[in-house]
Amino acid sequence: MRKYKDDAEGQALAGLLGQENSMLARHASEIVDRFPNAISSSEYLSVAHALMTASDLEKVPVYLDRALSQISDPNVNVTALRSYGLHLINTGKVSEGRSKYEQALTIWNEYPNVTNYFKGYTDTLTEMYWAQTEFGVNNLEASKEHLRKAFQRLNSMPPGPTTSQLRGQVLYTQKIVEQGAPVDPLTVPRPHGD
């Protein structure tokens, strides 16, 4: 989209790709509904993400609830809760969405074998994604507060290449938030590696 933003043919192609992605998301939804007992939590999560991307939101909460009802993996659990928080906040259910993000930060008693580094890394990402979600709906003060919390968690992590990479992601988010208003993603410079 960035490469062809001023090209009518490129924009038409982007529209066709969007339609195809929407159709594929709906097809996946139909399959999930046909075989609900054969679908894993990560598959439910994938279909929910595809539907969110296609702006086909009706079944998103159903699939996120199904994903959360059968989770045993902390990664999928946190991702499903974050996704639910994003969905709820973006659909105007701000307090419910914030509750899902809060749950994502408090799951660790269910997973006693998870390392402190993994918890710190994951919680830093959760705070960063929460900040991005709040920013996306113009809740700038809430966004700044979650960035502050992301930096607090980040600063308690041991140094290393992965921690440095995570710091870069949080700094990039901070830069966008400091601009003060959501922007068109096509005009924002991307960090290296994207």
Protein backbone atom coordinates (compact mmCIF):
# COMPACT_ATOMS: atom_id res chain seq x y z
CA MET A 1 0.00 0.00 0.00
CA ARG A 2 2.86 2.36 0.81
CA LYS A 3 4.66 1.66 -2.45
CA TYR A 4 1.56 2.27 -4.59
CA LYS A 5 -0.27 4.90 -2.51
CA ASP A 6 -0.39 7.36 -5.44
CA ASP A 7 -1.02 4.70 -8.11
CA ALA A 8 -4.66 4.02 -9.05
CA GLU A 9 -3.84 0.53 -10.33
CA GLY A 10 -1.95 -0.27 -7.14
CA GLN A 11 -4.88 0.93 -5.05
CA ALA A 12 -7.27 -1.20 -7.11
CA LEU A 13 -5.02 -4.20 -6.54
CA ALA A 14 -4.98 -3.44 -2.79
CA GLY A 15 -8.77 -3.36 -2.84
CA LEU A 16 -8.90 -6.74 -4.55
CA LEU A 17 -6.46 -8.20 -2.05
CA GLY A 18 -8.60 -6.83 0.78
CA GLN A 19 -11.68 -8.47 -0.70
CA GLU A 20 -9.83 -11.76 -1.10
CA ASN A 21 -8.60 -11.64 2.51
CA SER A 22 -12.14 -10.91 3.69
CA MET A 23 -13.49 -13.85 1.70
CA LEU A 24 -10.79 -16.17 3.07
CA ALA A 25 -11.54 -15.02 6.64
CA ARG A 26 -15.24 -15.76 6.16
CA HIS A 27 -14.43 -19.14 4.64
CA ALA A 28 -12.25 -19.98 7.65
CA SER A 29 -15.10 -18.89 9.92
CA GLU A 30 -17.50 -21.24 8.13
CA ILE A 31 -15.06 -24.15 8.56
CA VAL A 32 -14.60 -23.36 12.25
CA ASP A 33 -18.37 -23.33 12.74
CA ARG A 34 -18.74 -26.64 10.91
CA PHE A 35 -16.12 -28.45 13.03
CA PRO A 36 -16.01 -26.62 16.39
CA ASN A 37 -14.70 -29.61 18.36
CA ALA A 38 -11.73 -30.05 16.03
CA ILE A 39 -10.44 -26.48 16.32
CA SER A 40 -7.55 -25.55 18.63
CA SER A 41 -7.30 -22.36 20.66
CA SER A 42 -4.61 -20.99 18.34
CA GLU A 43 -6.80 -21.73 15.31
CA TYR A 44 -9.75 -19.91 16.89
CA LEU A 45 -7.40 -17.02 17.60
CA SER A 46 -6.15 -16.98 13.99
CA VAL A 47 -9.68 -16.85 12.60
CA ALA A 48 -10.62 -14.07 15.06
CA HIS A 49 -7.57 -12.07 13.88
CA ALA A 50 -8.46 -12.63 10.23
CA LEU A 51 -12.01 -11.42 10.84
CA MET A 52 -10.77 -8.35 12.74
CA THR A 53 -8.46 -7.51 9.84
CA ALA A 54 -11.40 -7.88 7.44
CA SER A 55 -13.59 -5.68 9.73
CA ASP A 56 -16.06 -8.56 10.00
CA LEU A 57 -16.51 -8.32 13.77
CA GLU A 58 -19.69 -10.22 14.58
CA LYS A 59 -18.07 -13.57 15.41
CA VAL A 60 -14.79 -12.24 16.80
CA PRO A 61 -15.92 -12.40 20.48
CA VAL A 62 -17.31 -15.90 19.95
CA TYR A 63 -13.98 -17.19 18.63
CA LEU A 64 -11.95 -15.38 21.27
CA ASP A 65 -14.16 -16.88 24.00
CA ARG A 66 -13.69 -20.34 22.47
CA ALA A 67 -9.93 -19.82 22.29
CA LEU A 68 -9.81 -18.74 25.93
CA SER A 69 -11.95 -21.69 27.07
CA GLN A 70 -9.39 -24.29 26.00
CA ILE A 71 -6.00 -22.66 26.45
CA SER A 72 -3.10 -24.39 28.14
CA ASP A 73 -0.27 -22.34 26.61
CA PRO A 74 0.67 -18.97 28.19
CA ASN A 75 1.58 -17.41 24.82
CA VAL A 76 -1.81 -18.14 23.28
CA ASN A 77 -3.56 -17.13 26.49
CA VAL A 78 -1.90 -13.71 26.63
CA THR A 79 -2.36 -13.16 22.89
CA ALA A 80 -6.06 -14.03 23.07
CA LEU A 81 -6.59 -11.68 26.03
CA ARG A 82 -4.73 -8.85 24.29
CA SER A 83 -6.71 -9.42 21.10
CA TYR A 84 -9.95 -9.38 23.08
CA GLY A 85 -8.87 -6.14 24.76
CA LEU A 86 -8.10 -4.59 21.38
CA HIS A 87 -11.43 -5.71 19.94
CA LEU A 88 -13.47 -4.45 22.89
CA ILE A 89 -11.76 -1.06 23.12
CA ASN A 90 -12.03 -0.55 19.37
CA THR A 91 -15.75 -1.33 19.49
CA GLY A 92 -16.41 1.16 22.30
CA LYS A 93 -16.36 -1.24 25.26
CA VAL A 94 -13.39 0.45 26.87
CA SER A 95 -13.72 -0.78 30.46
CA GLU A 96 -14.27 -4.37 29.32
CA GLY A 97 -11.28 -4.13 26.99
CA ARG A 98 -9.07 -2.77 29.73
CA SER A 99 -10.15 -5.66 31.92
CA LYS A 100 -8.91 -8.13 29.28
CA TYR A 101 -5.53 -6.39 29.10
CA GLU A 102 -5.35 -6.49 32.90
CA GLN A 103 -6.09 -10.22 32.84
CA ALA A 104 -3.23 -10.68 30.37
CA LEU A 105 -0.90 -9.23 33.00
CA THR A 106 -2.14 -11.50 35.79
CA ILE A 107 -2.15 -15.02 34.31
CA TRP A 108 1.21 -16.13 35.64
CA ASN A 109 -0.09 -18.14 38.63
CA GLU A 110 -1.55 -20.54 36.06
CA TYR A 111 1.93 -21.16 34.62
CA PRO A 112 4.41 -21.74 37.46
CA ASN A 113 7.18 -23.00 35.15
CA VAL A 114 7.40 -19.84 33.05
CA THR A 115 10.68 -17.96 33.51
CA ASN A 116 10.83 -14.44 34.94
CA TYR A 117 12.41 -13.23 31.71
CA PHE A 118 9.48 -14.55 29.65
CA LYS A 119 7.02 -12.93 32.05
CA GLY A 120 8.84 -9.59 31.91
CA TYR A 121 9.13 -9.68 28.13
CA THR A 122 5.48 -10.64 27.69
CA ASP A 123 4.19 -8.08 30.18
CA THR A 124 6.25 -5.34 28.55
CA LEU A 125 4.68 -6.22 25.20
CA THR A 126 1.22 -6.26 26.79
CA GLU A 127 1.71 -2.76 28.19
CA MET A 128 3.05 -1.56 24.83
CA TYR A 129 0.14 -3.08 22.88
CA TRP A 130 -2.29 -1.65 25.43
CA ALA A 131 -0.71 1.78 24.90
CA GLN A 132 -1.10 1.37 21.13
CA THR A 133 -4.76 0.40 21.51
CA GLU A 134 -5.53 3.37 23.76
CA PHE A 135 -3.67 5.64 21.34
CA GLY A 136 -5.69 4.29 18.42
CA VAL A 137 -8.93 5.50 20.03
CA ASN A 138 -7.43 8.85 21.10
CA ASN A 139 -7.02 7.97 24.80
CA LEU A 140 -3.65 9.70 24.88
CA GLU A 141 -3.21 9.91 28.66
CA ALA A 142 -4.00 6.21 29.09
CA SER A 143 -1.59 5.45 26.25
CA LYS A 144 1.20 7.40 27.95
CA GLU A 145 0.52 5.66 31.27
CA HIS A 146 0.85 2.21 29.69
CA LEU A 147 4.05 3.25 27.95
CA ARG A 148 5.40 4.37 31.34
CA LYS A 149 4.52 0.93 32.73
CA ALA A 150 6.12 -0.77 29.72
CA PHE A 151 9.37 1.10 30.41
CA GLN A 152 9.18 0.17 34.11
CA ARG A 153 8.92 -3.51 33.22
CA LEU A 154 11.58 -3.20 30.54
CA ASN A 155 14.03 -1.54 32.93
CA SER A 156 13.77 -4.49 35.32
CA MET A 157 14.83 -6.96 32.62
CA PRO A 158 18.43 -8.12 32.18
CA PRO A 159 20.34 -6.51 29.31
CA GLY A 160 20.86 -8.41 26.09
CA PRO A 161 19.99 -8.37 22.40
CA THR A 162 16.36 -9.42 22.89
CA THR A 163 15.84 -6.80 25.59
CA SER A 164 17.42 -4.19 23.29
CA GLN A 165 15.11 -5.16 20.46
CA LEU A 166 12.10 -4.88 22.77
CA ARG A 167 13.32 -1.47 23.96
CA GLY A 168 13.41 -0.34 20.32
CA GLN A 169 9.78 -1.38 19.86
CA VAL A 170 8.68 0.49 22.98
CA LEU A 171 10.69 3.57 21.98
CA TYR A 172 9.11 3.52 18.53
CA THR A 173 5.63 3.36 20.10
CA GLN A 174 6.57 6.23 22.43
CA LYS A 175 7.69 8.33 19.46
CA ILE A 176 4.31 7.85 17.75
CA VAL A 177 2.36 8.60 20.94
CA GLU A 178 4.39 11.75 21.57
CA GLN A 179 3.21 13.07 18.22
CA GLY A 180 -0.16 13.35 19.97
CA ALA A 181 -2.71 11.93 17.57
CA PRO A 182 -3.19 8.71 15.61
CA VAL A 183 -1.66 8.94 12.17
CA ASP A 184 -2.06 7.29 8.81
CA PRO A 185 0.16 4.18 9.01
CA LEU A 186 1.29 4.73 5.41
CA THR A 187 2.96 8.03 6.31
CA VAL A 188 4.76 6.87 9.46
CA PRO A 189 8.39 5.77 9.00
CA ARG A 190 8.83 2.12 9.95
CA PRO A 191 11.57 0.98 12.34
CA HIS A 192 14.37 -1.07 10.86
CA GLY A 193 13.48 -4.73 10.42
CA ASP A 194 9.80 -4.21 9.51
